[in-house]
Structures are given as C-alpha cells and as structure tokens.
Amino acid sequence: MDDAIREGIQVFVIGPTPTGVPEFDAEVKHLSEGFADVVKRRQLTYVDCFGPLVAHEGWLEEVNDSPRRLPGQVGYGLIAWLVLNRGWFEWLELAEKD
C-alpha cells in the first residue's frame, strides 16, 4: 500500500468479510480493525465489511449454507452496496457537488 501511495496510485481498501464461524470471526474482526487503523493513519478510503455483515441474516444464511463459507447473490450484493455507499463515488471523485 505504501509503495502504491509513493507511486501516486490512489488506494481504496475493502476490508475482510465475516465467515459466520464465531472463533474465526474474532480473528477477522481483529484483522479488520487493524486494516481500518492503518488506512485511517494514511487518510485513505476504507470500507468495513465485517461490522455491517457479522450479524446480517442474509449474509450468515449464505455463508453457513456454503461448504466453502462463501456468499451467494445476496452476499455479493451486500458487499457491492457497502462499497458503493461507503466511499466509492467520492474516491472516483464522482460525488455529487452541492
């Protein structure tokens, strides 16, 4: 990330998603918090996916039903919604100007 910044590349960071397994999610939460801290210190855009999805019924249903703990259509739609509504347009400098 720091190399990209030095090269003038704009950075947009999307955090990890919950697994639906409480023991693993404790570690994923810690990882997500670490990402958020690093990104904040560098004044970059960070989309937290863990917090909004950790208790989301649709997310949990899909990852719990998947043998590989992967989301389906609902889960990927939720990630897309988070990205689009938590800084994507601002990062692209396409935000509406008042």
PDB file of N, CA and C in Angstrom:
ATOM      1  N   MET A   1       0.825  -1.165   0.000  1.00  0.00           N
ATOM      2  CA  MET A   1       0.000   0.000   0.000  1.00  0.00           C
ATOM      3  C   MET A   1       0.882   1.245   0.000  1.00  0.00           C
ATOM      4  N   ASP A   2       1.887   1.248   0.849  1.00  0.00           N
ATOM      5  CA  ASP A   2       2.765   2.414   0.889  1.00  0.00           C
ATOM      6  C   ASP A   2       3.516   2.599  -0.422  1.00  0.00           C
ATOM      7  N   ASP A   3       3.904   1.505  -1.062  1.00  0.00           N
ATOM      8  CA  ASP A   3       4.563   1.615  -2.362  1.00  0.00           C
ATOM      9  C   ASP A   3       3.616   2.214  -3.396  1.00  0.00           C
ATOM     10  N   ALA A   4       2.374   1.793  -3.374  1.00  0.00           N
ATOM     11  CA  ALA A   4       1.387   2.349  -4.305  1.00  0.00           C
ATOM     12  C   ALA A   4       1.208   3.843  -4.068  1.00  0.00           C
ATOM     13  N   ILE A   5       1.133   4.232  -2.809  1.00  0.00           N
ATOM     14  CA  ILE A   5       0.980   5.655  -2.479  1.00  0.00           C
ATOM     15  C   ILE A   5       2.174   6.445  -2.983  1.00  0.00           C
ATOM     16  N   ARG A   6       3.388   5.920  -2.765  1.00  0.00           N
ATOM     17  CA  ARG A   6       4.600   6.606  -3.239  1.00  0.00           C
ATOM     18  C   ARG A   6       4.600   6.757  -4.758  1.00  0.00           C
ATOM     19  N   GLU A   7       3.999   5.800  -5.444  1.00  0.00           N
ATOM     20  CA  GLU A   7       3.941   5.842  -6.908  1.00  0.00           C
ATOM     21  C   GLU A   7       2.784   6.701  -7.416  1.00  0.00           C
ATOM     22  N   GLY A   8       2.008   7.277  -6.505  1.00  0.00           N
ATOM     23  CA  GLY A   8       0.897   8.135  -6.898  1.00  0.00           C
ATOM     24  C   GLY A   8      -0.371   7.380  -7.265  1.00  0.00           C
ATOM     25  N   ILE A   9      -0.448   6.121  -6.876  1.00  0.00           N
ATOM     26  CA  ILE A   9      -1.628   5.312  -7.165  1.00  0.00           C
ATOM     27  C   ILE A   9      -2.650   5.520  -6.058  1.00  0.00           C
ATOM     28  N   GLN A  10      -3.872   5.858  -6.439  1.00  0.00           N
ATOM     29  CA  GLN A  10      -4.921   6.035  -5.442  1.00  0.00           C
ATOM     30  C   GLN A  10      -5.308   4.679  -4.869  1.00  0.00           C
ATOM     31  N   VAL A  11      -5.443   4.631  -3.558  1.00  0.00           N
ATOM     32  CA  VAL A  11      -5.723   3.369  -2.877  1.00  0.00           C
ATOM     33  C   VAL A  11      -7.130   3.388  -2.289  1.00  0.00           C
ATOM     34  N   PHE A  12      -7.850   2.301  -2.498  1.00  0.00           N
ATOM     35  CA  PHE A  12      -9.197   2.098  -1.959  1.00  0.00           C
ATOM     36  C   PHE A  12      -9.183   0.712  -1.329  1.00  0.00           C
ATOM     37  N   VAL A  13      -9.411   0.638  -0.032  1.00  0.00           N
ATOM     38  CA  VAL A  13      -9.269  -0.627   0.685  1.00  0.00           C
ATOM     39  C   VAL A  13     -10.638  -1.149   1.130  1.00  0.00           C
ATOM     40  N   ILE A  14     -10.887  -2.405   0.781  1.00  0.00           N
ATOM     41  CA  ILE A  14     -12.112  -3.084   1.198  1.00  0.00           C
ATOM     42  C   ILE A  14     -11.714  -4.138   2.213  1.00  0.00           C
ATOM     43  N   GLY A  15     -12.308  -4.062   3.388  1.00  0.00           N
ATOM     44  CA  GLY A  15     -11.945  -4.960   4.478  1.00  0.00           C
ATOM     45  C   GLY A  15     -12.497  -6.361   4.320  1.00  0.00           C
ATOM     46  N   PRO A  16     -12.019  -7.262   5.166  1.00  0.00           N
ATOM     47  CA  PRO A  16     -12.456  -8.659   5.109  1.00  0.00           C
ATOM     48  C   PRO A  16     -13.895  -8.827   5.567  1.00  0.00           C
ATOM     49  N   THR A  17     -14.493  -9.908   5.125  1.00  0.00           N
ATOM     50  CA  THR A  17     -15.877 -10.215   5.477  1.00  0.00           C
ATOM     51  C   THR A  17     -15.912 -11.311   6.543  1.00  0.00           C
ATOM     52  N   PRO A  18     -16.985 -11.366   7.320  1.00  0.00           N
ATOM     53  CA  PRO A  18     -17.107 -12.420   8.330  1.00  0.00           C
ATOM     54  C   PRO A  18     -17.326 -13.791   7.698  1.00  0.00           C
ATOM     55  N   THR A  19     -16.925 -14.818   8.437  1.00  0.00           N
ATOM     56  CA  THR A  19     -17.052 -16.195   7.949  1.00  0.00           C
ATOM     57  C   THR A  19     -18.323 -16.872   8.435  1.00  0.00           C
ATOM     58  N   GLY A  20     -18.915 -16.341   9.491  1.00  0.00           N
ATOM     59  CA  GLY A  20     -20.060 -16.990  10.111  1.00  0.00           C
ATOM     60  C   GLY A  20     -19.656 -17.991  11.174  1.00  0.00           C
ATOM     61  N   VAL A  21     -18.351 -18.158  11.389  1.00  0.00           N
ATOM     62  CA  VAL A  21     -17.830 -19.052  12.422  1.00  0.00           C
ATOM     63  C   VAL A  21     -17.267 -18.168  13.540  1.00  0.00           C
ATOM     64  N   PRO A  22     -17.905 -18.135  14.704  1.00  0.00           N
ATOM     65  CA  PRO A  22     -17.504 -17.203  15.762  1.00  0.00           C
ATOM     66  C   PRO A  22     -16.016 -17.234  16.116  1.00  0.00           C
ATOM     67  N   GLU A  23     -15.404 -18.420  16.174  1.00  0.00           N
ATOM     68  CA  GLU A  23     -13.984 -18.485  16.525  1.00  0.00           C
ATOM     69  C   GLU A  23     -13.113 -17.787  15.478  1.00  0.00           C
ATOM     70  N   PHE A  24     -13.435 -17.988  14.209  1.00  0.00           N
ATOM     71  CA  PHE A  24     -12.689 -17.331  13.147  1.00  0.00           C
ATOM     72  C   PHE A  24     -13.003 -15.842  13.087  1.00  0.00           C
ATOM     73  N   ASP A  25     -14.259 -15.509  13.309  1.00  0.00           N
ATOM     74  CA  ASP A  25     -14.671 -14.119  13.191  1.00  0.00           C
ATOM     75  C   ASP A  25     -14.046 -13.224  14.249  1.00  0.00           C
ATOM     76  N   ALA A  26     -13.684 -13.774  15.384  1.00  0.00           N
ATOM     77  CA  ALA A  26     -12.956 -12.976  16.381  1.00  0.00           C
ATOM     78  C   ALA A  26     -11.628 -12.514  15.782  1.00  0.00           C
ATOM     79  N   GLU A  27     -10.975 -13.385  15.040  1.00  0.00           N
ATOM     80  CA  GLU A  27      -9.711 -13.028  14.385  1.00  0.00           C
ATOM     81  C   GLU A  27      -9.938 -12.089  13.202  1.00  0.00           C
ATOM     82  N   VAL A  28     -11.002 -12.341  12.442  1.00  0.00           N
ATOM     83  CA  VAL A  28     -11.312 -11.478  11.298  1.00  0.00           C
ATOM     84  C   VAL A  28     -11.636 -10.067  11.788  1.00  0.00           C
ATOM     85  N   LYS A  29     -12.351  -9.965  12.898  1.00  0.00           N
ATOM     86  CA  LYS A  29     -12.659  -8.656  13.464  1.00  0.00           C
ATOM     87  C   LYS A  29     -11.370  -7.917  13.828  1.00  0.00           C
ATOM     88  N   HIS A  30     -10.450  -8.617  14.448  1.00  0.00           N
ATOM     89  CA  HIS A  30      -9.165  -8.019  14.819  1.00  0.00           C
ATOM     90  C   HIS A  30      -8.413  -7.549  13.563  1.00  0.00           C
ATOM     91  N   LEU A  31      -8.420  -8.375  12.527  1.00  0.00           N
ATOM     92  CA  LEU A  31      -7.780  -8.021  11.266  1.00  0.00           C
ATOM     93  C   LEU A  31      -8.430  -6.787  10.648  1.00  0.00           C
ATOM     94  N   SER A  32      -9.747  -6.761  10.634  1.00  0.00           N
ATOM     95  CA  SER A  32     -10.478  -5.625  10.073  1.00  0.00           C
ATOM     96  C   SER A  32     -10.163  -4.337  10.823  1.00  0.00           C
ATOM     97  N   GLU A  33     -10.112  -4.423  12.136  1.00  0.00           N
ATOM     98  CA  GLU A  33      -9.770  -3.238  12.941  1.00  0.00           C
ATOM     99  C   GLU A  33      -8.356  -2.764  12.637  1.00  0.00           C
ATOM    100  N   GLY A  34      -7.439  -3.691  12.428  1.00  0.00           N
ATOM    101  CA  GLY A  34      -6.069  -3.327  12.065  1.00  0.00           C
ATOM    102  C   GLY A  34      -6.007  -2.642  10.717  1.00  0.00           C
ATOM    103  N   PHE A  35      -6.745  -3.182   9.739  1.00  0.00           N
ATOM    104  CA  PHE A  35      -6.810  -2.546   8.426  1.00  0.00           C
ATOM    105  C   PHE A  35      -7.342  -1.122   8.553  1.00  0.00           C
ATOM    106  N   ALA A  36      -8.422  -0.980   9.294  1.00  0.00           N
ATOM    107  CA  ALA A  36      -9.046   0.337   9.455  1.00  0.00           C
ATOM    108  C   ALA A  36      -8.069   1.334  10.064  1.00  0.00           C
ATOM    109  N   ASP A  37      -7.297   0.904  11.048  1.00  0.00           N
ATOM    110  CA  ASP A  37      -6.328   1.787  11.693  1.00  0.00           C
ATOM    111  C   ASP A  37      -5.237   2.220  10.716  1.00  0.00           C
ATOM    112  N   VAL A  38      -4.691   1.287   9.978  1.00  0.00           N
ATOM    113  CA  VAL A  38      -3.630   1.604   9.016  1.00  0.00           C
ATOM    114  C   VAL A  38      -4.144   2.568   7.950  1.00  0.00           C
ATOM    115  N   VAL A  39      -5.333   2.295   7.437  1.00  0.00           N
ATOM    116  CA  VAL A  39      -5.907   3.135   6.387  1.00  0.00           C
ATOM    117  C   VAL A  39      -6.226   4.532   6.913  1.00  0.00           C
ATOM    118  N   LYS A  40      -6.751   4.607   8.130  1.00  0.00           N
ATOM    119  CA  LYS A  40      -7.081   5.912   8.720  1.00  0.00           C
ATOM    120  C   LYS A  40      -5.828   6.763   8.880  1.00  0.00           C
ATOM    121  N   ARG A  41      -4.742   6.164   9.347  1.00  0.00           N
ATOM    122  CA  ARG A  41      -3.496   6.923   9.533  1.00  0.00           C
ATOM    123  C   ARG A  41      -2.955   7.439   8.214  1.00  0.00           C
ATOM    124  N   ARG A  42      -3.285   6.788   7.138  1.00  0.00           N
ATOM    125  CA  ARG A  42      -2.823   7.227   5.819  1.00  0.00           C
ATOM    126  C   ARG A  42      -3.868   8.080   5.100  1.00  0.00           C
ATOM    127  N   GLN A  43      -4.975   8.334   5.770  1.00  0.00           N
ATOM    128  CA  GLN A  43      -6.069   9.154   5.241  1.00  0.00           C
ATOM    129  C   GLN A  43      -6.581   8.615   3.900  1.00  0.00           C
ATOM    130  N   LEU A  44      -6.814   7.302   3.873  1.00  0.00           N
ATOM    131  CA  LEU A  44      -7.331   6.643   2.683  1.00  0.00           C
ATOM    132  C   LEU A  44      -8.761   6.186   2.921  1.00  0.00           C
ATOM    133  N   THR A  45      -9.399   5.734   1.867  1.00  0.00           N
ATOM    134  CA  THR A  45     -10.763   5.239   1.968  1.00  0.00           C
ATOM    135  C   THR A  45     -10.747   3.766   2.366  1.00  0.00           C
ATOM    136  N   TYR A  46     -11.547   3.421   3.384  1.00  0.00           N
ATOM    137  CA  TYR A  46     -11.662   2.037   3.852  1.00  0.00           C
ATOM    138  C   TYR A  46     -13.134   1.675   3.969  1.00  0.00           C
ATOM    139  N   VAL A  47     -13.503   0.542   3.410  1.00  0.00           N
ATOM    140  CA  VAL A  47     -14.864   0.044   3.529  1.00  0.00           C
ATOM    141  C   VAL A  47     -14.845  -1.138   4.499  1.00  0.00           C
ATOM    142  N   ASP A  48     -15.469  -0.944   5.647  1.00  0.00           N
ATOM    143  CA  ASP A  48     -15.593  -2.003   6.636  1.00  0.00           C
ATOM    144  C   ASP A  48     -16.726  -2.922   6.206  1.00  0.00           C
ATOM    145  N   CYS A  49     -16.404  -4.148   5.865  1.00  0.00           N
ATOM    146  CA  CYS A  49     -17.434  -5.134   5.520  1.00  0.00           C
ATOM    147  C   CYS A  49     -17.750  -6.023   6.710  1.00  0.00           C
ATOM    148  N   PHE A  50     -16.823  -6.145   7.644  1.00  0.00           N
ATOM    149  CA  PHE A  50     -17.025  -7.040   8.770  1.00  0.00           C
ATOM    150  C   PHE A  50     -18.168  -6.566   9.666  1.00  0.00           C
ATOM    151  N   GLY A  51     -18.082  -5.332  10.148  1.00  0.00           N
ATOM    152  CA  GLY A  51     -19.081  -4.806  11.078  1.00  0.00           C
ATOM    153  C   GLY A  51     -20.515  -4.900  10.579  1.00  0.00           C
ATOM    154  N   PRO A  52     -20.778  -4.418   9.363  1.00  0.00           N
ATOM    155  CA  PRO A  52     -22.149  -4.470   8.871  1.00  0.00           C
ATOM    156  C   PRO A  52     -22.662  -5.875   8.558  1.00  0.00           C
ATOM    157  N   LEU A  53     -21.763  -6.831   8.305  1.00  0.00           N
ATOM    158  CA  LEU A  53     -22.207  -8.158   7.871  1.00  0.00           C
ATOM    159  C   LEU A  53     -22.145  -9.232   8.948  1.00  0.00           C
ATOM    160  N   VAL A  54     -21.440  -8.979  10.040  1.00  0.00           N
ATOM    161  CA  VAL A  54     -21.204 -10.026  11.032  1.00  0.00           C
ATOM    162  C   VAL A  54     -22.499 -10.601  11.610  1.00  0.00           C
ATOM    163  N   ALA A  55     -23.544  -9.802  11.693  1.00  0.00           N
ATOM    164  CA  ALA A  55     -24.819 -10.295  12.233  1.00  0.00           C
ATOM    165  C   ALA A  55     -25.950 -10.200  11.206  1.00  0.00           C
ATOM    166  N   HIS A  56     -25.599  -9.953   9.939  1.00  0.00           N
ATOM    167  CA  HIS A  56     -26.619  -9.796   8.900  1.00  0.00           C
ATOM    168  C   HIS A  56     -27.211 -11.160   8.540  1.00  0.00           C
ATOM    169  N   GLU A  57     -28.511 -11.279   8.661  1.00  0.00           N
ATOM    170  CA  GLU A  57     -29.208 -12.550   8.454  1.00  0.00           C
ATOM    171  C   GLU A  57     -28.951 -13.144   7.069  1.00  0.00           C
ATOM    172  N   GLY A  58     -29.068 -12.336   6.023  1.00  0.00           N
ATOM    173  CA  GLY A  58     -28.861 -12.835   4.663  1.00  0.00           C
ATOM    174  C   GLY A  58     -27.433 -13.303   4.430  1.00  0.00           C
ATOM    175  N   TRP A  59     -26.478 -12.533   4.938  1.00  0.00           N
ATOM    176  CA  TRP A  59     -25.067 -12.907   4.814  1.00  0.00           C
ATOM    177  C   TRP A  59     -24.808 -14.238   5.509  1.00  0.00           C
ATOM    178  N   LEU A  60     -25.230 -14.327   6.754  1.00  0.00           N
ATOM    179  CA  LEU A  60     -24.966 -15.530   7.542  1.00  0.00           C
ATOM    180  C   LEU A  60     -25.630 -16.764   6.950  1.00  0.00           C
ATOM    181  N   GLU A  61     -26.828 -16.596   6.429  1.00  0.00           N
ATOM    182  CA  GLU A  61     -27.521 -17.732   5.818  1.00  0.00           C
ATOM    183  C   GLU A  61     -26.712 -18.285   4.652  1.00  0.00           C
ATOM    184  N   GLU A  62     -26.208 -17.387   3.808  1.00  0.00           N
ATOM    185  CA  GLU A  62     -25.462 -17.856   2.637  1.00  0.00           C
ATOM    186  C   GLU A  62     -24.116 -18.484   3.007  1.00  0.00           C
ATOM    187  N   VAL A  63     -23.348 -17.829   3.873  1.00  0.00           N
ATOM    188  CA  VAL A  63     -22.032 -18.399   4.205  1.00  0.00           C
ATOM    189  C   VAL A  63     -22.172 -19.686   5.021  1.00  0.00           C
ATOM    190  N   ASN A  64     -23.213 -19.781   5.833  1.00  0.00           N
ATOM    191  CA  ASN A  64     -23.420 -21.005   6.601  1.00  0.00           C
ATOM    192  C   ASN A  64     -23.911 -22.157   5.727  1.00  0.00           C
ATOM    193  N   ASP A  65     -24.580 -21.852   4.615  1.00  0.00           N
ATOM    194  CA  ASP A  65     -25.061 -22.882   3.699  1.00  0.00           C
ATOM    195  C   ASP A  65     -23.996 -23.321   2.687  1.00  0.00           C
ATOM    196  N   SER A  66     -22.920 -22.567   2.593  1.00  0.00           N
ATOM    197  CA  SER A  66     -21.874 -22.866   1.616  1.00  0.00           C
ATOM    198  C   SER A  66     -20.789 -23.737   2.244  1.00  0.00           C
ATOM    199  N   PRO A  67     -20.424 -24.836   1.594  1.00  0.00           N
ATOM    200  CA  PRO A  67     -19.357 -25.684   2.145  1.00  0.00           C
ATOM    201  C   PRO A  67     -18.012 -24.963   2.210  1.00  0.00           C
ATOM    202  N   ARG A  68     -17.823 -23.947   1.376  1.00  0.00           N
ATOM    203  CA  ARG A  68     -16.568 -23.181   1.386  1.00  0.00           C
ATOM    204  C   ARG A  68     -16.712 -21.846   2.111  1.00  0.00           C
ATOM    205  N   ARG A  69     -17.853 -21.641   2.786  1.00  0.00           N
ATOM    206  CA  ARG A  69     -18.117 -20.424   3.558  1.00  0.00           C
ATOM    207  C   ARG A  69     -18.121 -19.173   2.675  1.00  0.00           C
ATOM    208  N   LEU A  70     -18.632 -19.318   1.463  1.00  0.00           N
ATOM    209  CA  LEU A  70     -18.688 -18.205   0.520  1.00  0.00           C
ATOM    210  C   LEU A  70     -20.104 -17.656   0.422  1.00  0.00           C
ATOM    211  N   PRO A  71     -20.230 -16.358   0.174  1.00  0.00           N
ATOM    212  CA  PRO A  71     -21.558 -15.789  -0.014  1.00  0.00           C
ATOM    213  C   PRO A  71     -22.105 -16.163  -1.384  1.00  0.00           C
ATOM    214  N   GLY A  72     -23.384 -15.906  -1.544  1.00  0.00           N
ATOM    215  CA  GLY A  72     -24.047 -16.082  -2.832  1.00  0.00           C
ATOM    216  C   GLY A  72     -24.465 -14.727  -3.363  1.00  0.00           C
ATOM    217  N   GLN A  73     -25.538 -14.712  -4.105  1.00  0.00           N
ATOM    218  CA  GLN A  73     -26.012 -13.483  -4.741  1.00  0.00           C
ATOM    219  C   GLN A  73     -26.311 -12.389  -3.718  1.00  0.00           C
ATOM    220  N   VAL A  74     -26.983 -12.742  -2.652  1.00  0.00           N
ATOM    221  CA  VAL A  74     -27.316 -11.745  -1.624  1.00  0.00           C
ATOM    222  C   VAL A  74     -26.039 -11.178  -1.007  1.00  0.00           C
ATOM    223  N   GLY A  75     -25.119 -12.059  -0.651  1.00  0.00           N
ATOM    224  CA  GLY A  75     -23.880 -11.625  -0.007  1.00  0.00           C
ATOM    225  C   GLY A  75     -23.047 -10.714  -0.882  1.00  0.00           C
ATOM    226  N   TYR A  76     -22.885 -11.102  -2.135  1.00  0.00           N
ATOM    227  CA  TYR A  76     -22.111 -10.249  -3.037  1.00  0.00           C
ATOM    228  C   TYR A  76     -22.825  -8.926  -3.303  1.00  0.00           C
ATOM    229  N   GLY A  77     -24.146  -8.964  -3.320  1.00  0.00           N
ATOM    230  CA  GLY A  77     -24.911  -7.719  -3.444  1.00  0.00           C
ATOM    231  C   GLY A  77     -24.694  -6.807  -2.242  1.00  0.00           C
ATOM    232  N   LEU A  78     -24.612  -7.407  -1.065  1.00  0.00           N
ATOM    233  CA  LEU A  78     -24.351  -6.619   0.144  1.00  0.00           C
ATOM    234  C   LEU A  78     -22.969  -5.980   0.103  1.00  0.00           C
ATOM    235  N   ILE A  79     -21.975  -6.734  -0.338  1.00  0.00           N
ATOM    236  CA  ILE A  79     -20.626  -6.163  -0.457  1.00  0.00           C
ATOM    237  C   ILE A  79     -20.642  -5.007  -1.452  1.00  0.00           C
ATOM    238  N   ALA A  80     -21.292  -5.209  -2.605  1.00  0.00           N
ATOM    239  CA  ALA A  80     -21.365  -4.144  -3.611  1.00  0.00           C
ATOM    240  C   ALA A  80     -22.047  -2.905  -3.039  1.00  0.00           C
ATOM    241  N   TRP A  81     -23.122  -3.108  -2.282  1.00  0.00           N
ATOM    242  CA  TRP A  81     -23.830  -1.972  -1.682  1.00  0.00           C
ATOM    243  C   TRP A  81     -22.906  -1.222  -0.730  1.00  0.00           C
ATOM    244  N   LEU A  82     -22.182  -1.956   0.101  1.00  0.00           N
ATOM    245  CA  LEU A  82     -21.261  -1.303   1.039  1.00  0.00           C
ATOM    246  C   LEU A  82     -20.207  -0.491   0.296  1.00  0.00           C
ATOM    247  N   VAL A  83     -19.616  -1.070  -0.729  1.00  0.00           N
ATOM    248  CA  VAL A  83     -18.579  -0.361  -1.492  1.00  0.00           C
ATOM    249  C   VAL A  83     -19.156   0.895  -2.132  1.00  0.00           C
ATOM    250  N   LEU A  84     -20.295   0.760  -2.776  1.00  0.00           N
ATOM    251  CA  LEU A  84     -20.881   1.904  -3.470  1.00  0.00           C
ATOM    252  C   LEU A  84     -21.339   3.008  -2.523  1.00  0.00           C
ATOM    253  N   ASN A  85     -21.719   2.640  -1.314  1.00  0.00           N
ATOM    254  CA  ASN A  85     -22.270   3.624  -0.385  1.00  0.00           C
ATOM    255  C   ASN A  85     -21.321   4.050   0.724  1.00  0.00           C
ATOM    256  N   ARG A  86     -20.103   3.575   0.686  1.00  0.00           N
ATOM    257  CA  ARG A  86     -19.135   3.931   1.728  1.00  0.00           C
ATOM    258  C   ARG A  86     -17.850   4.515   1.150  1.00  0.00           C
ATOM    259  N   GLY A  87     -17.964   5.228   0.042  1.00  0.00           N
ATOM    260  CA  GLY A  87     -16.805   5.955  -0.447  1.00  0.00           C
ATOM    261  C   GLY A  87     -16.392   5.750  -1.885  1.00  0.00           C
ATOM    262  N   TRP A  88     -17.031   4.839  -2.607  1.00  0.00           N
ATOM    263  CA  TRP A  88     -16.613   4.562  -3.977  1.00  0.00           C
ATOM    264  C   TRP A  88     -16.687   5.788  -4.878  1.00  0.00           C
ATOM    265  N   PHE A  89     -17.829   6.459  -4.874  1.00  0.00           N
ATOM    266  CA  PHE A  89     -18.002   7.612  -5.764  1.00  0.00           C
ATOM    267  C   PHE A  89     -17.103   8.775  -5.365  1.00  0.00           C
ATOM    268  N   GLU A  90     -16.920   8.959  -4.069  1.00  0.00           N
ATOM    269  CA  GLU A  90     -16.015  10.007  -3.598  1.00  0.00           C
ATOM    270  C   GLU A  90     -14.583   9.682  -4.020  1.00  0.00           C
ATOM    271  N   TRP A  91     -14.193   8.425  -3.910  1.00  0.00           N
ATOM    272  CA  TRP A  91     -12.847   8.002  -4.296  1.00  0.00           C
ATOM    273  C   TRP A  91     -12.609   8.251  -5.783  1.00  0.00           C
ATOM    274  N   LEU A  92     -13.641   8.024  -6.582  1.00  0.00           N
ATOM    275  CA  LEU A  92     -13.551   8.283  -8.020  1.00  0.00           C
ATOM    276  C   LEU A  92     -13.750   9.759  -8.360  1.00  0.00           C
ATOM    277  N   GLU A  93     -14.000  10.547  -7.325  1.00  0.00           N
ATOM    278  CA  GLU A  93     -14.280  11.976  -7.481  1.00  0.00           C
ATOM    279  C   GLU A  93     -15.515  12.205  -8.353  1.00  0.00           C
ATOM    280  N   LEU A  94     -16.520  11.344  -8.144  1.00  0.00           N
ATOM    281  CA  LEU A  94     -17.773  11.465  -8.868  1.00  0.00           C
ATOM    282  C   LEU A  94     -18.935  11.835  -7.953  1.00  0.00           C
ATOM    283  N   ALA A  95     -18.616  12.210  -6.719  1.00  0.00           N
ATOM    284  CA  ALA A  95     -19.669  12.551  -5.763  1.00  0.00           C
ATOM    285  C   ALA A  95     -20.410  13.787  -6.230  1.00  0.00           C
ATOM    286  N   GLU A  96     -21.701  13.798  -5.924  1.00  0.00           N
ATOM    287  CA  GLU A  96     -22.499  14.973  -6.267  1.00  0.00           C
ATOM    288  C   GLU A  96     -21.986  16.181  -5.501  1.00  0.00           C
ATOM    289  N   LYS A  97     -21.891  17.262  -6.192  1.00  0.00           N
ATOM    290  CA  LYS A  97     -21.455  18.525  -5.577  1.00  0.00           C
ATOM    291  C   LYS A  97     -22.684  19.364  -5.246  1.00  0.00           C
ATOM    292  N   ASP A  98     -22.726  19.894  -4.046  1.00  0.00           N
ATOM    293  CA  ASP A  98     -23.867  20.756  -3.671  1.00  0.00           C
ATOM    294  C   ASP A  98     -23.639  22.161  -4.131  1.00  0.00           C
TER     295      ASP A  98
END
